[in-house]
Amino acid sequence: MRANLLTDKEKKELIKKTLEDSTLATGNHFPAFSKMMDGLGHVNDALSLAELIPALNVYLSGTVVGTFASGASFAGYILFPFQQIINLINANETGFLMYSYRAISYAITAWSFDKPVLSKSTRTISNLKSGSISVVKSHNDLAIYHKTWWEASTKTINGLKNTCIERNIQPNHLKAIFKSFGDGKPEKLCHLLLTGFESQFGHTTKHIWRSTYSIVYPQ
């Protein structure tokens, strides 16, 4: 098995060769390939990388990527299949909208790391109940937040499964790719995803959204 082990230099050479042989992995896609290779420090098997690189190539082949992930936003690369879900979220209050985005980020993270999908963000709910201005004042308010979370999480998991089917990517390959973007750390992947939603907010609400980054997955 030693023959399959790769040094960092050999990993870079492998990705370079794959890019040269591909007609899809061009332009803005290169940073995503490079980031994946950097994040796969725990994968030293040549056969594993040989499978993951084509999978990432297929994942990035959609025309939507070039637009949504402009500027080499790694959060954008991950989130672009869920743009439709994001647009369908009908939350007329900023609090519900933010909670939906956190649910999407948590669901993708849980799926990527084979962890149970959480039913809520405990710390977020606790914060909403406390403070000088309590947002959650009744069981009905709480039920709406729980429903918002459940709907966003369910749509996200279904979206992940559909992406694998439609693009003919093995789920374990896509999970490995997402994990690499987070350097193999669930909390880092989740934070990356949360930052990807900043463009959905205006100037004032964006500052509020950023202040929630102190709530770290899986809190």
C-alpha atoms as a PDB file:
ATOM      1  CA  MET A   1       0.000   0.000   0.000  1.00  0.00           C
ATOM      2  CA  ARG A   2       2.972   2.309   0.457  1.00  0.00           C
ATOM      3  CA  ALA A   3       3.141   2.841  -3.299  1.00  0.00           C
ATOM      4  CA  ASN A   4      -0.186   4.682  -3.204  1.00  0.00           C
ATOM      5  CA  LEU A   5       0.899   7.247  -0.602  1.00  0.00           C
ATOM      6  CA  LEU A   6       1.417  10.760  -1.906  1.00  0.00           C
ATOM      7  CA  THR A   7       3.563  13.656  -0.787  1.00  0.00           C
ATOM      8  CA  ASP A   8       2.162  17.202  -0.918  1.00  0.00           C
ATOM      9  CA  LYS A   9       4.181  17.807  -4.066  1.00  0.00           C
ATOM     10  CA  GLU A  10       2.753  14.701  -5.710  1.00  0.00           C
ATOM     11  CA  LYS A  11      -0.770  15.835  -4.813  1.00  0.00           C
ATOM     12  CA  LYS A  12      -0.194  19.131  -6.589  1.00  0.00           C
ATOM     13  CA  GLU A  13       1.203  17.328  -9.606  1.00  0.00           C
ATOM     14  CA  LEU A  14      -1.849  15.073  -9.702  1.00  0.00           C
ATOM     15  CA  ILE A  15      -4.264  17.980  -9.670  1.00  0.00           C
ATOM     16  CA  LYS A  16      -2.238  19.774 -12.343  1.00  0.00           C
ATOM     17  CA  LYS A  17      -2.394  16.749 -14.611  1.00  0.00           C
ATOM     18  CA  THR A  18      -6.121  16.343 -14.006  1.00  0.00           C
ATOM     19  CA  LEU A  19      -6.742  19.978 -14.884  1.00  0.00           C
ATOM     20  CA  GLU A  20      -4.694  19.685 -18.043  1.00  0.00           C
ATOM     21  CA  ASP A  21      -6.712  16.650 -19.113  1.00  0.00           C
ATOM     22  CA  SER A  22     -10.052  18.310 -18.384  1.00  0.00           C
ATOM     23  CA  THR A  23     -12.083  20.671 -20.531  1.00  0.00           C
ATOM     24  CA  LEU A  24     -14.314  21.596 -17.578  1.00  0.00           C
ATOM     25  CA  ALA A  25     -11.976  22.623 -14.777  1.00  0.00           C
ATOM     26  CA  THR A  26     -11.000  26.057 -16.025  1.00  0.00           C
ATOM     27  CA  GLY A  27     -11.092  29.678 -14.993  1.00  0.00           C
ATOM     28  CA  ASN A  28     -12.613  30.336 -11.579  1.00  0.00           C
ATOM     29  CA  HIS A  29     -12.758  26.621 -10.824  1.00  0.00           C
ATOM     30  CA  PHE A  30      -9.020  26.296 -10.220  1.00  0.00           C
ATOM     31  CA  PRO A  31      -9.074  27.890  -6.729  1.00  0.00           C
ATOM     32  CA  ALA A  32     -11.684  25.329  -5.670  1.00  0.00           C
ATOM     33  CA  PHE A  33      -9.504  22.462  -6.884  1.00  0.00           C
ATOM     34  CA  SER A  34      -6.482  23.911  -5.122  1.00  0.00           C
ATOM     35  CA  LYS A  35      -8.437  24.471  -1.901  1.00  0.00           C
ATOM     36  CA  MET A  36      -9.706  20.901  -1.957  1.00  0.00           C
ATOM     37  CA  MET A  37      -6.200  19.546  -2.357  1.00  0.00           C
ATOM     38  CA  ASP A  38      -4.977  21.692   0.544  1.00  0.00           C
ATOM     39  CA  GLY A  39      -7.827  20.488   2.728  1.00  0.00           C
ATOM     40  CA  LEU A  40      -7.273  16.816   1.999  1.00  0.00           C
ATOM     41  CA  GLY A  41      -4.174  16.527   4.141  1.00  0.00           C
ATOM     42  CA  HIS A  42      -5.590  13.371   5.719  1.00  0.00           C
ATOM     43  CA  VAL A  43      -6.070  11.667   2.340  1.00  0.00           C
ATOM     44  CA  ASN A  44      -2.770  10.313   1.088  1.00  0.00           C
ATOM     45  CA  ASP A  45      -4.030   7.530  -1.108  1.00  0.00           C
ATOM     46  CA  ALA A  46      -3.571   8.160  -4.841  1.00  0.00           C
ATOM     47  CA  LEU A  47      -6.609   6.083  -5.739  1.00  0.00           C
ATOM     48  CA  SER A  48      -8.843   8.094  -3.408  1.00  0.00           C
ATOM     49  CA  LEU A  49      -7.685  11.387  -4.886  1.00  0.00           C
ATOM     50  CA  ALA A  50      -8.059  10.023  -8.396  1.00  0.00           C
ATOM     51  CA  GLU A  51     -11.749   9.477  -7.606  1.00  0.00           C
ATOM     52  CA  LEU A  52     -12.347  12.767  -5.785  1.00  0.00           C
ATOM     53  CA  ILE A  53     -10.870  15.079  -8.400  1.00  0.00           C
ATOM     54  CA  PRO A  54     -13.231  13.966 -11.207  1.00  0.00           C
ATOM     55  CA  ALA A  55     -16.141  14.198  -8.739  1.00  0.00           C
ATOM     56  CA  LEU A  56     -15.282  17.815  -7.961  1.00  0.00           C
ATOM     57  CA  ASN A  57     -14.872  18.463 -11.670  1.00  0.00           C
ATOM     58  CA  VAL A  58     -18.430  17.232 -12.293  1.00  0.00           C
ATOM     59  CA  TYR A  59     -19.779  19.208  -9.342  1.00  0.00           C
ATOM     60  CA  LEU A  60     -18.277  22.431 -10.672  1.00  0.00           C
ATOM     61  CA  SER A  61     -19.317  21.852 -14.271  1.00  0.00           C
ATOM     62  CA  GLY A  62     -22.697  23.596 -13.963  1.00  0.00           C
ATOM     63  CA  THR A  63     -22.994  26.995 -15.600  1.00  0.00           C
ATOM     64  CA  VAL A  64     -24.496  28.382 -12.386  1.00  0.00           C
ATOM     65  CA  VAL A  65     -21.176  28.011 -10.593  1.00  0.00           C
ATOM     66  CA  GLY A  66     -19.428  30.612 -12.680  1.00  0.00           C
ATOM     67  CA  THR A  67     -21.987  33.212 -11.661  1.00  0.00           C
ATOM     68  CA  PHE A  68     -22.821  32.315  -8.085  1.00  0.00           C
ATOM     69  CA  ALA A  69     -19.261  31.457  -7.077  1.00  0.00           C
ATOM     70  CA  SER A  70     -17.629  34.429  -8.754  1.00  0.00           C
ATOM     71  CA  GLY A  71     -14.600  35.624  -6.886  1.00  0.00           C
ATOM     72  CA  ALA A  72     -13.695  32.058  -5.910  1.00  0.00           C
ATOM     73  CA  SER A  73     -15.990  32.050  -2.878  1.00  0.00           C
ATOM     74  CA  PHE A  74     -15.688  28.552  -1.462  1.00  0.00           C
ATOM     75  CA  ALA A  75     -18.983  29.002   0.336  1.00  0.00           C
ATOM     76  CA  GLY A  76     -20.457  29.832  -3.052  1.00  0.00           C
ATOM     77  CA  TYR A  77     -19.089  26.656  -4.574  1.00  0.00           C
ATOM     78  CA  ILE A  78     -20.865  24.615  -1.929  1.00  0.00           C
ATOM     79  CA  LEU A  79     -24.071  26.628  -1.759  1.00  0.00           C
ATOM     80  CA  PHE A  80     -24.843  27.152  -5.420  1.00  0.00           C
ATOM     81  CA  PRO A  81     -27.069  24.035  -5.778  1.00  0.00           C
ATOM     82  CA  PHE A  82     -29.173  25.381  -2.913  1.00  0.00           C
ATOM     83  CA  GLN A  83     -29.730  28.836  -4.375  1.00  0.00           C
ATOM     84  CA  GLN A  84     -33.219  27.772  -5.365  1.00  0.00           C
ATOM     85  CA  ILE A  85     -33.936  26.687  -1.802  1.00  0.00           C
ATOM     86  CA  ILE A  86     -32.616  30.002  -0.532  1.00  0.00           C
ATOM     87  CA  ASN A  87     -34.876  31.906  -2.930  1.00  0.00           C
ATOM     88  CA  LEU A  88     -37.911  29.851  -1.902  1.00  0.00           C
ATOM     89  CA  ILE A  89     -37.562  30.694   1.784  1.00  0.00           C
ATOM     90  CA  ASN A  90     -40.513  32.947   2.445  1.00  0.00           C
ATOM     91  CA  ALA A  91     -39.523  34.542   5.721  1.00  0.00           C
ATOM     92  CA  ASN A  92     -40.931  38.013   6.194  1.00  0.00           C
ATOM     93  CA  GLU A  93     -38.973  38.510   9.390  1.00  0.00           C
ATOM     94  CA  THR A  94     -35.205  38.746   9.565  1.00  0.00           C
ATOM     95  CA  GLY A  95     -35.056  36.398  12.555  1.00  0.00           C
ATOM     96  CA  PHE A  96     -36.752  33.555  10.680  1.00  0.00           C
ATOM     97  CA  LEU A  97     -34.592  34.189   7.620  1.00  0.00           C
ATOM     98  CA  MET A  98     -31.395  33.993   9.640  1.00  0.00           C
ATOM     99  CA  TYR A  99     -32.588  30.866  11.389  1.00  0.00           C
ATOM    100  CA  SER A 100     -33.317  29.249   8.021  1.00  0.00           C
ATOM    101  CA  TYR A 101     -29.814  30.012   6.758  1.00  0.00           C
ATOM    102  CA  ARG A 102     -28.287  28.582   9.905  1.00  0.00           C
ATOM    103  CA  ALA A 103     -30.420  25.443   9.448  1.00  0.00           C
ATOM    104  CA  ILE A 104     -29.114  25.044   5.876  1.00  0.00           C
ATOM    105  CA  SER A 105     -25.510  25.453   7.040  1.00  0.00           C
ATOM    106  CA  TYR A 106     -25.972  22.968   9.880  1.00  0.00           C
ATOM    107  CA  ALA A 107     -27.700  20.419   7.620  1.00  0.00           C
ATOM    108  CA  ILE A 108     -24.933  20.512   4.995  1.00  0.00           C
ATOM    109  CA  THR A 109     -22.312  20.185   7.719  1.00  0.00           C
ATOM    110  CA  ALA A 110     -24.082  17.269   9.409  1.00  0.00           C
ATOM    111  CA  TRP A 111     -24.554  15.449   6.102  1.00  0.00           C
ATOM    112  CA  SER A 112     -20.923  15.993   5.095  1.00  0.00           C
ATOM    113  CA  PHE A 113     -19.572  14.581   8.359  1.00  0.00           C
ATOM    114  CA  ASP A 114     -22.167  11.780   8.733  1.00  0.00           C
ATOM    115  CA  LYS A 115     -23.621  13.352  11.856  1.00  0.00           C
ATOM    116  CA  PRO A 116     -27.299  13.494  12.884  1.00  0.00           C
ATOM    117  CA  VAL A 117     -29.159  16.472  11.457  1.00  0.00           C
ATOM    118  CA  LEU A 118     -29.976  18.722  14.400  1.00  0.00           C
ATOM    119  CA  SER A 119     -33.570  19.694  15.133  1.00  0.00           C
ATOM    120  CA  LYS A 120     -32.595  23.194  16.257  1.00  0.00           C
ATOM    121  CA  SER A 121     -29.802  25.525  17.262  1.00  0.00           C
ATOM    122  CA  THR A 122     -30.050  25.354  21.038  1.00  0.00           C
ATOM    123  CA  ARG A 123     -28.002  28.460  21.674  1.00  0.00           C
ATOM    124  CA  THR A 124     -29.859  30.524  19.084  1.00  0.00           C
ATOM    125  CA  ILE A 125     -33.215  29.638  20.628  1.00  0.00           C
ATOM    126  CA  SER A 126     -31.848  30.386  24.090  1.00  0.00           C
ATOM    127  CA  ASN A 127     -30.671  33.803  22.911  1.00  0.00           C
ATOM    128  CA  LEU A 128     -34.059  34.531  21.349  1.00  0.00           C
ATOM    129  CA  LYS A 129     -35.777  33.737  24.651  1.00  0.00           C
ATOM    130  CA  SER A 130     -33.445  35.849  26.769  1.00  0.00           C
ATOM    131  CA  GLY A 131     -32.171  39.405  26.660  1.00  0.00           C
ATOM    132  CA  SER A 132     -33.910  42.703  27.227  1.00  0.00           C
ATOM    133  CA  ILE A 133     -36.179  42.119  24.227  1.00  0.00           C
ATOM    134  CA  SER A 134     -37.490  38.564  24.070  1.00  0.00           C
ATOM    135  CA  VAL A 135     -38.262  37.503  20.492  1.00  0.00           C
ATOM    136  CA  VAL A 136     -39.774  34.141  21.428  1.00  0.00           C
ATOM    137  CA  LYS A 137     -42.636  35.010  23.773  1.00  0.00           C
ATOM    138  CA  SER A 138     -44.956  32.038  23.408  1.00  0.00           C
ATOM    139  CA  HIS A 139     -45.145  28.357  22.456  1.00  0.00           C
ATOM    140  CA  ASN A 140     -46.566  29.473  19.116  1.00  0.00           C
ATOM    141  CA  ASP A 141     -43.509  31.622  18.397  1.00  0.00           C
ATOM    142  CA  LEU A 142     -41.250  28.703  19.288  1.00  0.00           C
ATOM    143  CA  ALA A 143     -43.248  26.341  17.065  1.00  0.00           C
ATOM    144  CA  ILE A 144     -42.742  28.653  14.087  1.00  0.00           C
ATOM    145  CA  TYR A 145     -38.974  28.660  14.621  1.00  0.00           C
ATOM    146  CA  HIS A 146     -38.936  24.871  14.899  1.00  0.00           C
ATOM    147  CA  LYS A 147     -41.017  24.547  11.707  1.00  0.00           C
ATOM    148  CA  THR A 148     -38.724  26.990   9.902  1.00  0.00           C
ATOM    149  CA  TRP A 149     -35.688  24.941  10.886  1.00  0.00           C
ATOM    150  CA  TRP A 150     -37.266  21.622   9.933  1.00  0.00           C
ATOM    151  CA  GLU A 151     -38.351  22.829   6.497  1.00  0.00           C
ATOM    152  CA  ALA A 152     -34.966  24.344   5.644  1.00  0.00           C
ATOM    153  CA  SER A 153     -33.070  21.267   6.877  1.00  0.00           C
ATOM    154  CA  THR A 154     -35.317  18.837   5.008  1.00  0.00           C
ATOM    155  CA  LYS A 155     -35.075  20.774   1.732  1.00  0.00           C
ATOM    156  CA  THR A 156     -31.294  20.932   2.096  1.00  0.00           C
ATOM    157  CA  ILE A 157     -30.815  17.204   2.688  1.00  0.00           C
ATOM    158  CA  ASN A 158     -33.099  16.426  -0.257  1.00  0.00           C
ATOM    159  CA  GLY A 159     -31.125  18.915  -2.335  1.00  0.00           C
ATOM    160  CA  LEU A 160     -27.858  17.177  -1.470  1.00  0.00           C
ATOM    161  CA  LYS A 161     -29.272  13.786  -2.421  1.00  0.00           C
ATOM    162  CA  ASN A 162     -30.697  15.120  -5.682  1.00  0.00           C
ATOM    163  CA  THR A 163     -27.385  16.775  -6.554  1.00  0.00           C
ATOM    164  CA  CYS A 164     -25.598  13.439  -6.196  1.00  0.00           C
ATOM    165  CA  ILE A 165     -28.183  11.683  -8.365  1.00  0.00           C
ATOM    166  CA  GLU A 166     -28.426  14.365 -11.053  1.00  0.00           C
ATOM    167  CA  ARG A 167     -24.659  14.777 -11.371  1.00  0.00           C
ATOM    168  CA  ASN A 168     -23.878  11.088 -10.867  1.00  0.00           C
ATOM    169  CA  ILE A 169     -21.578  11.756  -7.917  1.00  0.00           C
ATOM    170  CA  GLN A 170     -21.169   9.229  -5.132  1.00  0.00           C
ATOM    171  CA  PRO A 171     -22.354  10.791  -1.847  1.00  0.00           C
ATOM    172  CA  ASN A 172     -19.149   9.838  -0.034  1.00  0.00           C
ATOM    173  CA  HIS A 173     -17.126  11.670  -2.692  1.00  0.00           C
ATOM    174  CA  LEU A 174     -19.154  14.859  -2.352  1.00  0.00           C
ATOM    175  CA  LYS A 175     -18.945  14.612   1.430  1.00  0.00           C
ATOM    176  CA  ALA A 176     -15.163  14.341   1.212  1.00  0.00           C
ATOM    177  CA  ILE A 177     -15.060  17.407  -1.030  1.00  0.00           C
ATOM    178  CA  PHE A 178     -17.174  19.470   1.369  1.00  0.00           C
ATOM    179  CA  LYS A 179     -15.092  18.297   4.327  1.00  0.00           C
ATOM    180  CA  SER A 180     -11.939  19.397   2.532  1.00  0.00           C
ATOM    181  CA  PHE A 181     -13.328  22.931   2.135  1.00  0.00           C
ATOM    182  CA  GLY A 182     -13.639  22.995   5.928  1.00  0.00           C
ATOM    183  CA  ASP A 183     -10.169  21.504   6.415  1.00  0.00           C
ATOM    184  CA  GLY A 184     -11.770  18.409   7.923  1.00  0.00           C
ATOM    185  CA  LYS A 185     -13.441  20.360  10.753  1.00  0.00           C
ATOM    186  CA  PRO A 186     -17.266  20.539  11.049  1.00  0.00           C
ATOM    187  CA  GLU A 187     -17.239  23.889  12.820  1.00  0.00           C
ATOM    188  CA  LYS A 188     -15.009  25.405  10.148  1.00  0.00           C
ATOM    189  CA  LEU A 189     -17.162  24.151   7.273  1.00  0.00           C
ATOM    190  CA  CYS A 190     -20.276  25.481   8.991  1.00  0.00           C
ATOM    191  CA  HIS A 191     -18.696  28.899   9.548  1.00  0.00           C
ATOM    192  CA  LEU A 192     -17.681  28.990   5.904  1.00  0.00           C
ATOM    193  CA  LEU A 193     -21.264  28.264   4.874  1.00  0.00           C
ATOM    194  CA  LEU A 194     -22.671  30.928   7.196  1.00  0.00           C
ATOM    195  CA  THR A 195     -20.433  33.546   5.609  1.00  0.00           C
ATOM    196  CA  GLY A 196     -21.791  32.523   2.228  1.00  0.00           C
ATOM    197  CA  PHE A 197     -25.174  34.026   3.135  1.00  0.00           C
ATOM    198  CA  GLU A 198     -23.854  37.539   3.757  1.00  0.00           C
ATOM    199  CA  SER A 199     -24.891  38.641   0.278  1.00  0.00           C
ATOM    200  CA  GLN A 200     -28.523  37.941   1.207  1.00  0.00           C
ATOM    201  CA  PHE A 201     -28.586  40.801   3.727  1.00  0.00           C
ATOM    202  CA  GLY A 202     -28.535  44.569   3.564  1.00  0.00           C
ATOM    203  CA  HIS A 203     -25.940  46.750   5.251  1.00  0.00           C
ATOM    204  CA  THR A 204     -27.569  46.831   8.680  1.00  0.00           C
ATOM    205  CA  THR A 205     -28.806  43.263   8.835  1.00  0.00           C
ATOM    206  CA  LYS A 206     -25.463  41.991   7.544  1.00  0.00           C
ATOM    207  CA  HIS A 207     -23.795  43.251  10.714  1.00  0.00           C
ATOM    208  CA  ILE A 208     -26.420  41.459  12.788  1.00  0.00           C
ATOM    209  CA  TRP A 209     -25.846  38.266  10.807  1.00  0.00           C
ATOM    210  CA  ARG A 210     -22.095  38.444  11.301  1.00  0.00           C
ATOM    211  CA  SER A 211     -22.588  38.862  15.039  1.00  0.00           C
ATOM    212  CA  THR A 212     -24.178  35.386  15.125  1.00  0.00           C
ATOM    213  CA  TYR A 213     -20.929  33.731  14.014  1.00  0.00           C
ATOM    214  CA  SER A 214     -20.015  33.436  17.691  1.00  0.00           C
ATOM    215  CA  ILE A 215     -22.555  30.599  17.821  1.00  0.00           C
ATOM    216  CA  VAL A 216     -20.397  27.708  16.681  1.00  0.00           C
ATOM    217  CA  TYR A 217     -21.702  24.434  15.219  1.00  0.00           C
ATOM    218  CA  PRO A 218     -23.297  22.362  16.714  1.00  0.00           C
ATOM    219  CA  GLN A 219     -24.501  24.865  19.325  1.00  0.00           C
END
